[in-house]
Amino acid sequence: MAPQSPFARALMLVTLAGWTACGSSRSSQPSSSDQNDDADASSSGSSSPGASVSSSSGATASSFSDATASSSGSSVGSGSSSGGSFSDGGAKADGAKADAGAVWQPTSAAPIHFHWMIGASTFTSGDILSGQDGQAVYDIDGANSTMADVAAIHAAGAIAVCYVDVGTLEQGRPDYADFPTAVIGPAVQGWPGENWLLVTAANQGVILPLMKARFADWCQAKGFDAIEPDNLDAWTNISNVAIGQLAHALPLSIGLKNVMTDLDPSQYASFLAVFDWALNEQCYEYSECGVYTASGSFLPAGKAVFDVEYNVTPTCTQADQAHMNAQKTDLDLVGATDTGYEYTPCVPDSQATW
């Protein structure tokens, strides 16, 4: 799904053949990219406007049950080892792909320079920025990328994140014909050629193997370290956790995108046990950042959180104090060499500490 213009939030209620997906989305107009639903989800659990963001403890992220050891190993990256680690605890050479069985678990202990370029016309090594001090991450489209793209990211000492749509189906994707009509739901309003997936108990057995194939073919086979799953709100009808478990089985790191604001605090523990980091859009614009600093949430657990703003500048003093990686960027999320590129992080790329 292409990036969305962030207007007022609206409750999305879609009912088809007994299926109901409840989640909120921002109304939108299509842009030139067809790769992402940036401003897609979720306001029902938002914090009150003006809620303060408390300081994070900066503790290292706890390990997961499927990891082979604690996350005490050094990070992959060109700088600080405190920005993230692999769950097998073994040290990795700069630029190297994680060893088999290792899952990247970024922490909030140090800034991580997050470069979101899923809207790049064609991602190239020219989009990899110089002057990175500390861990850097490049998030690019999984289907449209190549092994060479991922290798270039690793050669720069950075982490490669694979964008995959898990809640909608876009025409033109290489596996489009693999999805039976029974699992294809209503059209996504404002986005021609894209439909919601009907994630029901009956359809889960069909959709999960298709998502596993995406993760394996688009991400694992190309050498990516992690997955950014878009439109996770379609899975709240069943469980987003199932998507996280698919990634870890490969094994790949996976982030929780946007839906944190839809969760009840009683659900935090189960989600943090599966999702290794969080990606949020516009939590400052919509006064939702408090969900990431709340007791039991990502930042108090020492897990990395990335916030991306399109229309407002994040409150950087507050974000830095909370150890939240915040930035203002262009809505289309284009590559560094594309027209319209904008990237203004709270912590400069030349800085490796809060």
Foldseek 3Di string as FASTA:
>chain_A
DFFFDADDKDWDWDADPRFTFTWIFGHGAHDPFPAAHAGGTHAQQFDDAPDAFAFAPLDAFAAFPQACAGFQEADQADAGRSQWGWRPRHYDDHLDFDDPRTEIFGFLNKAEAEQEAQLAPADDLVLDDPQFHAEYEYEYELQRDALVNSSSQSVNRYAYEYEDEQFKAAPPRPCNVLDDPVQWAAADPNRPRMTTGRDAPVCVVVSLVVLLCSCVVRAVVSRHAAYEYHPLSSCVNPDSLSSLVSCCVSPHAYEAEAHLSVDDLVCLVVVSSRHREYEYEDCNVVVRPRSQRDPSHQRNSRGAYEYEYAPDADPLVSCQSRSHWYWYWHSRSYGPPDPRTDIGTSADSNDTHD
